[in-house]
């Protein structure tokens, strides 16, 4: 994906994925909706979700592990926030902070806002109670956080680290961690399958929008310097 239209392709695909997420959400609210959830809550794609939940069962140990590992992407957000703060202090101007870091901060805020919106407007509730509480489950917040944040780590490392070995090692660890988290959250039994799928779709769209925005912004800045 190169050439003059790279940023347009990224933004178009990202916007399409977000549109797909909206469609997926509407389908969950309308197709095969049955009161199969905890306390009889209505769940879309009931047959699919019920079959998969029975197939995997509930594994609270995996849930606990992935829950604690959810602190890793939060730490990464704080790390890049700290980097942006250091640049702000040294350069003494908000506008002199690297544009990709400014966009990254806005992107993280957008991810958090998406999480809060679905906490306030539940689409699905968890298949089981967690510590006697029935929590919102769509989209899977841990999956959304991991798949939204971890790609930005690789993206930033490729821009800021020159050592190829470090970049490749970090990419491999990043991929392993992301796959482990998504797979662990999927088989733990604390989310419906459609909750995981929704998080994958939304996080992909959001990340591509961020990536495309960085490419577009830097392309515009280069033109202004000519």
Foldseek 3Di string as FASTA:
>chain_A
DDDPCPLVVLLVVLVVLVVVLVVLLVQQLPACWWQQAVVRDTTRPVVQLVVLLVVLDAAVVLVVVLVVVLVVLVVLLVVLVVVQVVQCVVVVDNVRRPPLSVLVNVLVVVLVVVVVVCQVVASDWWRDADVNHTGRPAQNSSLLSLLQRLVVVLVVCVVPPDDPVVSVVSVVVSVVVNVSSLVSVSSNRRHGNSNSVSSNSNSSSSNSNSVSVSVVVVVVVVVVVD
